[in-house]
Amino acid sequence: MSPFTRREFMKTSLAAGALSSMGTLPAHAAPRTATDMVTLGECGMRVTRLAFGTGTNNGRDYTALGQKEFTRLVQYAYDHGIRFFDTCDTYTTPAMLGEALKGIPRDSYQLMTKLTTNGADPQTHFEQMLRVSQTAYYDIVLLHWQHTPDWVSTTANWQEGVLQAQEKKIFRVRGASVHGLPALRQMPGNQWMQVAMIRMNHLGTRMDGPTWVDGNNPDNLDEVVEHARQVKKEGMGVISMKLVGNGAFTGREDRQAAMRFAFNHAGVDCVSVGFKNTQEIDEAIENVNLALA
């Protein structure tokens, strides 16, 4: 009998392998989830797909809960895999969040702050922010509430201040959050930005429109999505907010639809959602998981 050729050997081996694997499920890639670590564009920053946002009603909802209950929520979110926390220097929550994160290893979570571009001395303001948040650095800083078509030029001194702070390792990644189409249109092509925070949901509720005034703008959804896709194509990370329409989505079907729209249609990297109780945390995790399934 002549020896097997290599081709015959491979055919026999493959057949044997197929027979031995009968009755077992085929191998698939692991499902994507809300608590996966994802990379924001080309900057290299890795965060969980779902962030804990602390700006509901500018943080007043959390102030009403009190420090003890807020700390419980933050630690519950951390224990359930959320490792990305979002605040702002004008919210009532930076000090509360710093207190809630005490004792948790700093390198085990990512902290993002939004920064108001008022005043004349950025570095002094940065130092005050760090003291209030009880942290040595922020992983991400965003120029907050940019809402005019000339925001890129009017915030030049703050952009330079952020670059200087990055050299000192006070900030790791930089970007902006905007309100209104005139401001959003300045994001594509922006060489300074590494991360864009863009409001996003399927109904255009509390989303960008012709002016910075918050409102419902379903007619402008296509343009918002177009800009989100474009900045992502340019290498920016895209983070979205208003996934529950600033609390307007009282039916879970809308909250689920908003997640599907953001991830599957607009292609955002991650989303920031505020929570008033542990049930809302559980639901948001499940809603993201369902959107990614």
C-alpha atoms as a PDB file:
ATOM      1  CA  MET A   1       0.000   0.000   0.000  1.00  0.00           C
ATOM      2  CA  SER A   2       1.394   3.328  -0.958  1.00  0.00           C
ATOM      3  CA  PRO A   3       1.860   5.864   1.857  1.00  0.00           C
ATOM      4  CA  PHE A   4      -0.643   8.701   2.295  1.00  0.00           C
ATOM      5  CA  THR A   5      -0.001  11.892   0.455  1.00  0.00           C
ATOM      6  CA  ARG A   6      -0.079  15.109   2.525  1.00  0.00           C
ATOM      7  CA  ARG A   7      -3.473  15.983   0.970  1.00  0.00           C
ATOM      8  CA  GLU A   8      -4.928  12.585   1.899  1.00  0.00           C
ATOM      9  CA  PHE A   9      -3.522  12.908   5.410  1.00  0.00           C
ATOM     10  CA  MET A  10      -5.114  16.306   5.895  1.00  0.00           C
ATOM     11  CA  LYS A  11      -8.484  15.131   4.555  1.00  0.00           C
ATOM     12  CA  THR A  12      -8.483  12.138   6.896  1.00  0.00           C
ATOM     13  CA  SER A  13      -7.449  14.242   9.888  1.00  0.00           C
ATOM     14  CA  LEU A  14     -10.146  16.812   9.237  1.00  0.00           C
ATOM     15  CA  ALA A  15     -12.788  14.127   8.915  1.00  0.00           C
ATOM     16  CA  ALA A  16     -11.672  12.512  12.155  1.00  0.00           C
ATOM     17  CA  GLY A  17     -11.741  15.885  13.884  1.00  0.00           C
ATOM     18  CA  ALA A  18     -15.251  16.556  12.660  1.00  0.00           C
ATOM     19  CA  LEU A  19     -16.462  13.196  13.925  1.00  0.00           C
ATOM     20  CA  SER A  20     -14.837  13.664  17.329  1.00  0.00           C
ATOM     21  CA  SER A  21     -16.512  17.063  17.754  1.00  0.00           C
ATOM     22  CA  MET A  22     -20.035  15.890  16.942  1.00  0.00           C
ATOM     23  CA  GLY A  23     -22.449  16.779  19.708  1.00  0.00           C
ATOM     24  CA  THR A  24     -20.468  19.844  20.789  1.00  0.00           C
ATOM     25  CA  LEU A  25     -21.297  23.487  20.069  1.00  0.00           C
ATOM     26  CA  PRO A  26     -19.149  25.298  17.494  1.00  0.00           C
ATOM     27  CA  ALA A  27     -16.669  27.821  18.849  1.00  0.00           C
ATOM     28  CA  HIS A  28     -17.811  31.448  18.708  1.00  0.00           C
ATOM     29  CA  ALA A  29     -16.273  34.723  19.699  1.00  0.00           C
ATOM     30  CA  ALA A  30     -17.183  35.823  23.207  1.00  0.00           C
ATOM     31  CA  PRO A  31     -20.271  38.082  23.280  1.00  0.00           C
ATOM     32  CA  ARG A  32     -19.696  41.809  23.662  1.00  0.00           C
ATOM     33  CA  THR A  33     -20.974  43.239  26.932  1.00  0.00           C
ATOM     34  CA  ALA A  34     -21.525  46.497  28.788  1.00  0.00           C
ATOM     35  CA  THR A  35     -18.554  45.835  31.062  1.00  0.00           C
ATOM     36  CA  ASP A  36     -16.007  44.994  28.376  1.00  0.00           C
ATOM     37  CA  MET A  37     -13.002  47.272  28.183  1.00  0.00           C
ATOM     38  CA  VAL A  38     -12.959  49.076  24.835  1.00  0.00           C
ATOM     39  CA  THR A  39     -10.372  51.412  23.321  1.00  0.00           C
ATOM     40  CA  LEU A  40     -11.426  54.986  22.557  1.00  0.00           C
ATOM     41  CA  GLY A  41     -10.213  55.666  19.042  1.00  0.00           C
ATOM     42  CA  GLU A  42      -6.501  56.075  18.540  1.00  0.00           C
ATOM     43  CA  CYS A  43      -5.646  57.594  21.936  1.00  0.00           C
ATOM     44  CA  GLY A  44      -5.278  54.184  23.579  1.00  0.00           C
ATOM     45  CA  MET A  45      -7.536  54.913  26.556  1.00  0.00           C
ATOM     46  CA  ARG A  46      -9.531  51.849  27.577  1.00  0.00           C
ATOM     47  CA  VAL A  47     -12.854  52.170  29.397  1.00  0.00           C
ATOM     48  CA  THR A  48     -15.922  50.045  30.003  1.00  0.00           C
ATOM     49  CA  ARG A  49     -18.667  50.429  27.402  1.00  0.00           C
ATOM     50  CA  LEU A  50     -21.023  51.638  30.119  1.00  0.00           C
ATOM     51  CA  ALA A  51     -20.053  54.590  32.288  1.00  0.00           C
ATOM     52  CA  PHE A  52     -21.674  55.772  35.508  1.00  0.00           C
ATOM     53  CA  GLY A  53     -22.712  59.377  34.803  1.00  0.00           C
ATOM     54  CA  THR A  54     -23.120  61.634  37.823  1.00  0.00           C
ATOM     55  CA  GLY A  55     -24.707  64.638  36.137  1.00  0.00           C
ATOM     56  CA  THR A  56     -28.420  63.867  36.424  1.00  0.00           C
ATOM     57  CA  ASN A  57     -29.969  67.298  36.998  1.00  0.00           C
ATOM     58  CA  ASN A  58     -26.410  68.587  37.454  1.00  0.00           C
ATOM     59  CA  GLY A  59     -25.910  66.053  40.222  1.00  0.00           C
ATOM     60  CA  ARG A  60     -28.763  67.276  42.389  1.00  0.00           C
ATOM     61  CA  ASP A  61     -30.418  63.851  42.325  1.00  0.00           C
ATOM     62  CA  TYR A  62     -27.330  62.391  43.987  1.00  0.00           C
ATOM     63  CA  THR A  63     -27.088  65.184  46.504  1.00  0.00           C
ATOM     64  CA  ALA A  64     -30.660  64.310  47.485  1.00  0.00           C
ATOM     65  CA  LEU A  65     -29.662  60.660  47.954  1.00  0.00           C
ATOM     66  CA  GLY A  66     -26.855  61.623  50.318  1.00  0.00           C
ATOM     67  CA  GLN A  67     -23.263  60.432  50.475  1.00  0.00           C
ATOM     68  CA  LYS A  68     -23.965  57.040  52.054  1.00  0.00           C
ATOM     69  CA  GLU A  69     -26.486  55.946  49.414  1.00  0.00           C
ATOM     70  CA  PHE A  70     -24.447  57.431  46.583  1.00  0.00           C
ATOM     71  CA  THR A  71     -21.359  55.553  47.758  1.00  0.00           C
ATOM     72  CA  ARG A  72     -23.394  52.356  47.836  1.00  0.00           C
ATOM     73  CA  LEU A  73     -24.479  52.922  44.220  1.00  0.00           C
ATOM     74  CA  VAL A  74     -20.950  53.640  43.019  1.00  0.00           C
ATOM     75  CA  GLN A  75     -19.546  50.586  44.748  1.00  0.00           C
ATOM     76  CA  TYR A  76     -22.414  48.427  43.452  1.00  0.00           C
ATOM     77  CA  ALA A  77     -21.648  49.592  39.915  1.00  0.00           C
ATOM     78  CA  TYR A  78     -17.945  48.853  40.419  1.00  0.00           C
ATOM     79  CA  ASP A  79     -18.678  45.406  41.830  1.00  0.00           C
ATOM     80  CA  HIS A  80     -20.850  44.678  38.780  1.00  0.00           C
ATOM     81  CA  GLY A  81     -18.126  45.569  36.319  1.00  0.00           C
ATOM     82  CA  ILE A  82     -18.574  49.285  35.578  1.00  0.00           C
ATOM     83  CA  ARG A  83     -15.133  50.871  35.821  1.00  0.00           C
ATOM     84  CA  PHE A  84     -15.741  54.222  34.115  1.00  0.00           C
ATOM     85  CA  PHE A  85     -17.064  57.206  36.082  1.00  0.00           C
ATOM     86  CA  ASP A  86     -18.119  60.563  34.629  1.00  0.00           C
ATOM     87  CA  THR A  87     -18.380  63.905  36.450  1.00  0.00           C
ATOM     88  CA  CYS A  88     -17.970  67.653  35.847  1.00  0.00           C
ATOM     89  CA  ASP A  89     -16.592  70.601  37.777  1.00  0.00           C
ATOM     90  CA  THR A  90     -20.016  72.289  37.801  1.00  0.00           C
ATOM     91  CA  TYR A  91     -21.925  69.258  39.094  1.00  0.00           C
ATOM     92  CA  THR A  92     -22.575  68.808  42.773  1.00  0.00           C
ATOM     93  CA  THR A  93     -20.932  65.390  42.613  1.00  0.00           C
ATOM     94  CA  PRO A  94     -17.107  65.584  42.156  1.00  0.00           C
ATOM     95  CA  ALA A  95     -16.436  65.572  45.902  1.00  0.00           C
ATOM     96  CA  MET A  96     -19.108  62.899  46.470  1.00  0.00           C
ATOM     97  CA  LEU A  97     -17.602  60.721  43.754  1.00  0.00           C
ATOM     98  CA  GLY A  98     -14.110  61.137  45.177  1.00  0.00           C
ATOM     99  CA  GLU A  99     -15.410  60.027  48.565  1.00  0.00           C
ATOM    100  CA  ALA A 100     -17.306  57.081  47.052  1.00  0.00           C
ATOM    101  CA  LEU A 101     -14.198  55.822  45.224  1.00  0.00           C
ATOM    102  CA  LYS A 102     -11.991  55.946  48.320  1.00  0.00           C
ATOM    103  CA  GLY A 103     -10.266  52.635  48.967  1.00  0.00           C
ATOM    104  CA  ILE A 104     -10.723  51.394  45.390  1.00  0.00           C
ATOM    105  CA  PRO A 105      -7.381  51.018  43.572  1.00  0.00           C
ATOM    106  CA  ARG A 106      -7.008  54.086  41.348  1.00  0.00           C
ATOM    107  CA  ASP A 107      -5.605  52.098  38.438  1.00  0.00           C
ATOM    108  CA  SER A 108      -8.660  49.825  38.394  1.00  0.00           C
ATOM    109  CA  TYR A 109     -11.102  52.438  37.066  1.00  0.00           C
ATOM    110  CA  GLN A 110     -11.198  55.426  34.712  1.00  0.00           C
ATOM    111  CA  LEU A 111     -12.333  58.883  35.817  1.00  0.00           C
ATOM    112  CA  MET A 112     -13.598  61.463  33.341  1.00  0.00           C
ATOM    113  CA  THR A 113     -14.359  65.079  34.156  1.00  0.00           C
ATOM    114  CA  LYS A 114     -15.884  67.839  32.108  1.00  0.00           C
ATOM    115  CA  LEU A 115     -14.256  71.227  32.493  1.00  0.00           C
ATOM    116  CA  THR A 116     -15.943  74.621  32.289  1.00  0.00           C
ATOM    117  CA  THR A 117     -13.861  77.069  30.272  1.00  0.00           C
ATOM    118  CA  ASN A 118     -14.359  80.118  32.475  1.00  0.00           C
ATOM    119  CA  GLY A 119     -11.713  82.157  34.251  1.00  0.00           C
ATOM    120  CA  ALA A 120      -8.217  83.067  33.184  1.00  0.00           C
ATOM    121  CA  ASP A 121      -5.914  80.628  34.988  1.00  0.00           C
ATOM    122  CA  PRO A 122      -6.425  77.026  33.811  1.00  0.00           C
ATOM    123  CA  GLN A 123      -3.655  75.476  35.916  1.00  0.00           C
ATOM    124  CA  THR A 124      -5.008  76.861  39.202  1.00  0.00           C
ATOM    125  CA  HIS A 125      -8.444  75.569  38.266  1.00  0.00           C
ATOM    126  CA  PHE A 126      -7.057  72.120  37.437  1.00  0.00           C
ATOM    127  CA  GLU A 127      -5.373  71.887  40.833  1.00  0.00           C
ATOM    128  CA  GLN A 128      -8.620  72.801  42.579  1.00  0.00           C
ATOM    129  CA  MET A 129     -10.501  70.143  40.587  1.00  0.00           C
ATOM    130  CA  LEU A 130      -8.004  67.475  41.639  1.00  0.00           C
ATOM    131  CA  ARG A 131      -8.360  68.444  45.307  1.00  0.00           C
ATOM    132  CA  VAL A 132     -12.152  68.313  45.163  1.00  0.00           C
ATOM    133  CA  SER A 133     -12.160  64.937  43.406  1.00  0.00           C
ATOM    134  CA  GLN A 134      -9.464  63.549  45.743  1.00  0.00           C
ATOM    135  CA  THR A 135      -7.461  62.224  42.810  1.00  0.00           C
ATOM    136  CA  ALA A 136      -3.953  62.721  41.452  1.00  0.00           C
ATOM    137  CA  TYR A 137      -5.132  62.700  37.839  1.00  0.00           C
ATOM    138  CA  TYR A 138      -8.104  62.371  35.497  1.00  0.00           C
ATOM    139  CA  ASP A 139      -8.058  59.789  32.762  1.00  0.00           C
ATOM    140  CA  ILE A 140     -10.148  61.968  30.440  1.00  0.00           C
ATOM    141  CA  VAL A 141     -10.907  65.689  30.467  1.00  0.00           C
ATOM    142  CA  LEU A 142     -13.515  67.289  28.215  1.00  0.00           C
ATOM    143  CA  LEU A 143     -14.091  70.971  27.546  1.00  0.00           C
ATOM    144  CA  HIS A 144     -17.640  71.202  28.842  1.00  0.00           C
ATOM    145  CA  TRP A 145     -20.763  72.579  27.184  1.00  0.00           C
ATOM    146  CA  GLN A 146     -19.157  74.011  24.084  1.00  0.00           C
ATOM    147  CA  HIS A 147     -22.169  75.515  22.355  1.00  0.00           C
ATOM    148  CA  THR A 148     -21.074  78.199  19.897  1.00  0.00           C
ATOM    149  CA  PRO A 149     -19.677  77.915  16.377  1.00  0.00           C
ATOM    150  CA  ASP A 150     -16.465  79.675  17.451  1.00  0.00           C
ATOM    151  CA  TRP A 151     -15.721  77.541  20.517  1.00  0.00           C
ATOM    152  CA  VAL A 152     -12.506  76.186  19.025  1.00  0.00           C
ATOM    153  CA  SER A 153     -10.952  79.665  18.888  1.00  0.00           C
ATOM    154  CA  THR A 154     -12.483  81.062  22.089  1.00  0.00           C
ATOM    155  CA  THR A 155     -11.160  78.157  24.196  1.00  0.00           C
ATOM    156  CA  ALA A 156      -7.613  78.287  22.789  1.00  0.00           C
ATOM    157  CA  ASN A 157      -6.058  79.136  26.164  1.00  0.00           C
ATOM    158  CA  TRP A 158      -7.875  76.215  27.804  1.00  0.00           C
ATOM    159  CA  GLN A 159      -6.765  73.848  25.076  1.00  0.00           C
ATOM    160  CA  GLU A 160      -3.173  74.940  25.640  1.00  0.00           C
ATOM    161  CA  GLY A 161      -3.641  74.565  29.399  1.00  0.00           C
ATOM    162  CA  VAL A 162      -4.907  71.021  28.949  1.00  0.00           C
ATOM    163  CA  LEU A 163      -1.884  70.161  26.779  1.00  0.00           C
ATOM    164  CA  GLN A 164       0.427  71.463  29.503  1.00  0.00           C
ATOM    165  CA  ALA A 165      -1.477  69.449  32.113  1.00  0.00           C
ATOM    166  CA  GLN A 166      -1.148  66.333  29.966  1.00  0.00           C
ATOM    167  CA  GLU A 167       2.630  66.771  30.013  1.00  0.00           C
ATOM    168  CA  LYS A 168       2.417  66.749  33.827  1.00  0.00           C
ATOM    169  CA  LYS A 169       0.212  63.597  33.714  1.00  0.00           C
ATOM    170  CA  ILE A 170      -2.710  65.475  35.309  1.00  0.00           C
ATOM    171  CA  PHE A 171      -4.857  64.554  32.310  1.00  0.00           C
ATOM    172  CA  ARG A 172      -4.258  61.549  30.092  1.00  0.00           C
ATOM    173  CA  VAL A 173      -6.722  62.110  27.248  1.00  0.00           C
ATOM    174  CA  ARG A 174      -8.507  65.272  26.074  1.00  0.00           C
ATOM    175  CA  GLY A 175     -11.678  66.149  24.205  1.00  0.00           C
ATOM    176  CA  ALA A 176     -14.904  68.138  24.322  1.00  0.00           C
ATOM    177  CA  SER A 177     -18.641  67.821  24.861  1.00  0.00           C
ATOM    178  CA  VAL A 178     -20.939  69.987  22.768  1.00  0.00           C
ATOM    179  CA  HIS A 179     -24.520  71.234  22.686  1.00  0.00           C
ATOM    180  CA  GLY A 180     -26.115  72.236  19.397  1.00  0.00           C
ATOM    181  CA  LEU A 181     -25.273  71.616  15.760  1.00  0.00           C
ATOM    182  CA  PRO A 182     -23.220  74.817  15.315  1.00  0.00           C
ATOM    183  CA  ALA A 183     -20.781  73.508  17.940  1.00  0.00           C
ATOM    184  CA  LEU A 184     -20.982  69.859  16.855  1.00  0.00           C
ATOM    185  CA  ARG A 185     -20.003  70.813  13.295  1.00  0.00           C
ATOM    186  CA  GLN A 186     -16.610  71.952  14.617  1.00  0.00           C
ATOM    187  CA  MET A 187     -15.668  68.455  15.805  1.00  0.00           C
ATOM    188  CA  PRO A 188     -14.869  66.758  12.471  1.00  0.00           C
ATOM    189  CA  GLY A 189     -11.362  67.708  11.421  1.00  0.00           C
ATOM    190  CA  ASN A 190     -10.407  68.983  14.888  1.00  0.00           C
ATOM    191  CA  GLN A 191      -6.747  68.069  15.427  1.00  0.00           C
ATOM    192  CA  TRP A 192      -6.740  68.860  19.156  1.00  0.00           C
ATOM    193  CA  MET A 193      -9.482  66.459  20.191  1.00  0.00           C
ATOM    194  CA  GLN A 194      -8.925  62.809  21.084  1.00  0.00           C
ATOM    195  CA  VAL A 195     -12.420  62.104  22.426  1.00  0.00           C
ATOM    196  CA  ALA A 196     -15.838  63.481  21.420  1.00  0.00           C
ATOM    197  CA  MET A 197     -18.854  63.369  23.725  1.00  0.00           C
ATOM    198  CA  ILE A 198     -22.033  63.556  21.640  1.00  0.00           C
ATOM    199  CA  ARG A 199     -25.651  63.304  22.746  1.00  0.00           C
ATOM    200  CA  MET A 200     -27.394  60.327  21.175  1.00  0.00           C
ATOM    201  CA  ASN A 201     -30.725  58.504  21.206  1.00  0.00           C
ATOM    202  CA  HIS A 202     -33.181  57.187  18.631  1.00  0.00           C
ATOM    203  CA  LEU A 203     -35.792  59.944  19.096  1.00  0.00           C
ATOM    204  CA  GLY A 204     -33.584  63.032  19.175  1.00  0.00           C
ATOM    205  CA  THR A 205     -34.747  63.812  22.709  1.00  0.00           C
ATOM    206  CA  ARG A 206     -32.621  66.511  24.399  1.00  0.00           C
ATOM    207  CA  MET A 207     -30.256  66.293  21.464  1.00  0.00           C
ATOM    208  CA  ASP A 208     -28.493  68.707  19.158  1.00  0.00           C
ATOM    209  CA  GLY A 209     -30.523  71.061  17.012  1.00  0.00           C
ATOM    210  CA  PRO A 210     -30.103  74.402  15.220  1.00  0.00           C
ATOM    211  CA  THR A 211     -29.169  76.174  18.483  1.00  0.00           C
ATOM    212  CA  TRP A 212     -27.559  75.161  21.771  1.00  0.00           C
ATOM    213  CA  VAL A 213     -30.911  75.284  23.597  1.00  0.00           C
ATOM    214  CA  ASP A 214     -31.851  71.810  24.846  1.00  0.00           C
ATOM    215  CA  GLY A 215     -34.868  70.428  23.087  1.00  0.00           C
ATOM    216  CA  ASN A 216     -36.232  67.566  21.054  1.00  0.00           C
ATOM    217  CA  ASN A 217     -34.741  67.560  17.571  1.00  0.00           C
ATOM    218  CA  PRO A 218     -35.659  64.352  15.697  1.00  0.00           C
ATOM    219  CA  ASP A 219     -35.223  66.091  12.339  1.00  0.00           C
ATOM    220  CA  ASN A 220     -31.515  66.534  13.020  1.00  0.00           C
ATOM    221  CA  LEU A 221     -30.732  62.942  13.966  1.00  0.00           C
ATOM    222  CA  ASP A 222     -29.120  62.080  10.636  1.00  0.00           C
ATOM    223  CA  GLU A 223     -26.664  64.945  10.883  1.00  0.00           C
ATOM    224  CA  VAL A 224     -25.727  64.089  14.470  1.00  0.00           C
ATOM    225  CA  VAL A 225     -25.054  60.476  13.485  1.00  0.00           C
ATOM    226  CA  GLU A 226     -23.054  61.606  10.454  1.00  0.00           C
ATOM    227  CA  HIS A 227     -20.740  63.708  12.642  1.00  0.00           C
ATOM    228  CA  ALA A 228     -20.353  60.885  15.179  1.00  0.00           C
ATOM    229  CA  ARG A 229     -19.340  58.473  12.463  1.00  0.00           C
ATOM    230  CA  GLN A 230     -16.984  60.991  10.880  1.00  0.00           C
ATOM    231  CA  VAL A 231     -15.027  61.794  14.045  1.00  0.00           C
ATOM    232  CA  LYS A 232     -14.726  58.093  14.776  1.00  0.00           C
ATOM    233  CA  LYS A 233     -13.367  57.565  11.266  1.00  0.00           C
ATOM    234  CA  GLU A 234     -10.821  60.286  12.016  1.00  0.00           C
ATOM    235  CA  GLY A 235      -9.577  58.352  15.040  1.00  0.00           C
ATOM    236  CA  MET A 236     -11.467  59.985  17.908  1.00  0.00           C
ATOM    237  CA  GLY A 237     -13.185  57.986  20.603  1.00  0.00           C
ATOM    238  CA  VAL A 238     -16.939  58.608  20.767  1.00  0.00           C
ATOM    239  CA  ILE A 239     -18.784  58.687  24.085  1.00  0.00           C
ATOM    240  CA  SER A 240     -22.525  59.366  24.169  1.00  0.00           C
ATOM    241  CA  MET A 241     -24.927  60.737  26.756  1.00  0.00           C
ATOM    242  CA  LYS A 242     -28.718  61.316  26.937  1.00  0.00           C
ATOM    243  CA  LEU A 243     -29.363  57.617  26.338  1.00  0.00           C
ATOM    244  CA  VAL A 244     -32.504  57.816  28.452  1.00  0.00           C
ATOM    245  CA  GLY A 245     -33.507  61.225  27.060  1.00  0.00           C
ATOM    246  CA  ASN A 246     -32.520  62.992  30.273  1.00  0.00           C
ATOM    247  CA  GLY A 247     -35.050  60.798  32.078  1.00  0.00           C
ATOM    248  CA  ALA A 248     -37.796  61.236  29.476  1.00  0.00           C
ATOM    249  CA  PHE A 249     -37.791  57.569  28.447  1.00  0.00           C
ATOM    250  CA  THR A 250     -40.074  56.080  31.078  1.00  0.00           C
ATOM    251  CA  GLY A 251     -40.708  52.918  29.040  1.00  0.00           C
ATOM    252  CA  ARG A 252     -37.965  50.344  28.914  1.00  0.00           C
ATOM    253  CA  GLU A 253     -38.524  49.736  25.208  1.00  0.00           C
ATOM    254  CA  ASP A 254     -37.258  53.254  24.493  1.00  0.00           C
ATOM    255  CA  ARG A 255     -34.245  52.808  26.746  1.00  0.00           C
ATOM    256  CA  GLN A 256     -33.376  49.611  24.900  1.00  0.00           C
ATOM    257  CA  ALA A 257     -33.985  51.217  21.502  1.00  0.00           C
ATOM    258  CA  ALA A 258     -31.692  54.101  22.424  1.00  0.00           C
ATOM    259  CA  MET A 259     -28.853  51.678  23.210  1.00  0.00           C
ATOM    260  CA  ARG A 260     -29.351  49.799  19.944  1.00  0.00           C
ATOM    261  CA  PHE A 261     -29.377  53.075  18.024  1.00  0.00           C
ATOM    262  CA  ALA A 262     -26.217  54.379  19.677  1.00  0.00           C
ATOM    263  CA  PHE A 263     -24.112  51.248  19.312  1.00  0.00           C
ATOM    264  CA  ASN A 264     -25.471  49.669  16.136  1.00  0.00           C
ATOM    265  CA  HIS A 265     -26.447  52.702  14.059  1.00  0.00           C
ATOM    266  CA  ALA A 266     -24.252  55.560  15.240  1.00  0.00           C
ATOM    267  CA  GLY A 267     -21.347  53.281  16.156  1.00  0.00           C
ATOM    268  CA  VAL A 268     -20.393  54.947  19.444  1.00  0.00           C
ATOM    269  CA  ASP A 269     -17.707  53.383  21.628  1.00  0.00           C
ATOM    270  CA  CYS A 270     -19.393  53.784  24.985  1.00  0.00           C
ATOM    271  CA  VAL A 271     -22.268  55.506  26.761  1.00  0.00           C
ATOM    272  CA  SER A 272     -22.698  57.388  30.026  1.00  0.00           C
ATOM    273  CA  VAL A 273     -25.889  56.857  32.026  1.00  0.00           C
ATOM    274  CA  GLY A 274     -26.982  58.123  35.433  1.00  0.00           C
ATOM    275  CA  PHE A 275     -28.515  55.797  38.026  1.00  0.00           C
ATOM    276  CA  LYS A 276     -30.684  56.493  41.047  1.00  0.00           C
ATOM    277  CA  ASN A 277     -30.800  52.909  42.336  1.00  0.00           C
ATOM    278  CA  THR A 278     -29.240  49.494  41.823  1.00  0.00           C
ATOM    279  CA  GLN A 279     -32.145  48.304  39.688  1.00  0.00           C
ATOM    280  CA  GLU A 280     -31.330  50.984  37.115  1.00  0.00           C
ATOM    281  CA  ILE A 281     -27.707  49.823  37.054  1.00  0.00           C
ATOM    282  CA  ASP A 282     -28.789  46.228  36.463  1.00  0.00           C
ATOM    283  CA  GLU A 283     -31.183  47.283  33.708  1.00  0.00           C
ATOM    284  CA  ALA A 284     -28.639  49.477  31.903  1.00  0.00           C
ATOM    285  CA  ILE A 285     -26.103  46.642  31.862  1.00  0.00           C
ATOM    286  CA  GLU A 286     -28.725  44.308  30.460  1.00  0.00           C
ATOM    287  CA  ASN A 287     -29.898  46.885  27.890  1.00  0.00           C
ATOM    288  CA  VAL A 288     -26.370  47.350  26.576  1.00  0.00           C
ATOM    289  CA  ASN A 289     -25.823  43.593  26.480  1.00  0.00           C
ATOM    290  CA  LEU A 290     -29.035  43.133  24.488  1.00  0.00           C
ATOM    291  CA  ALA A 291     -28.030  45.881  22.061  1.00  0.00           C
ATOM    292  CA  LEU A 292     -24.693  44.175  21.450  1.00  0.00           C
ATOM    293  CA  ALA A 293     -26.031  40.626  21.167  1.00  0.00           C
END
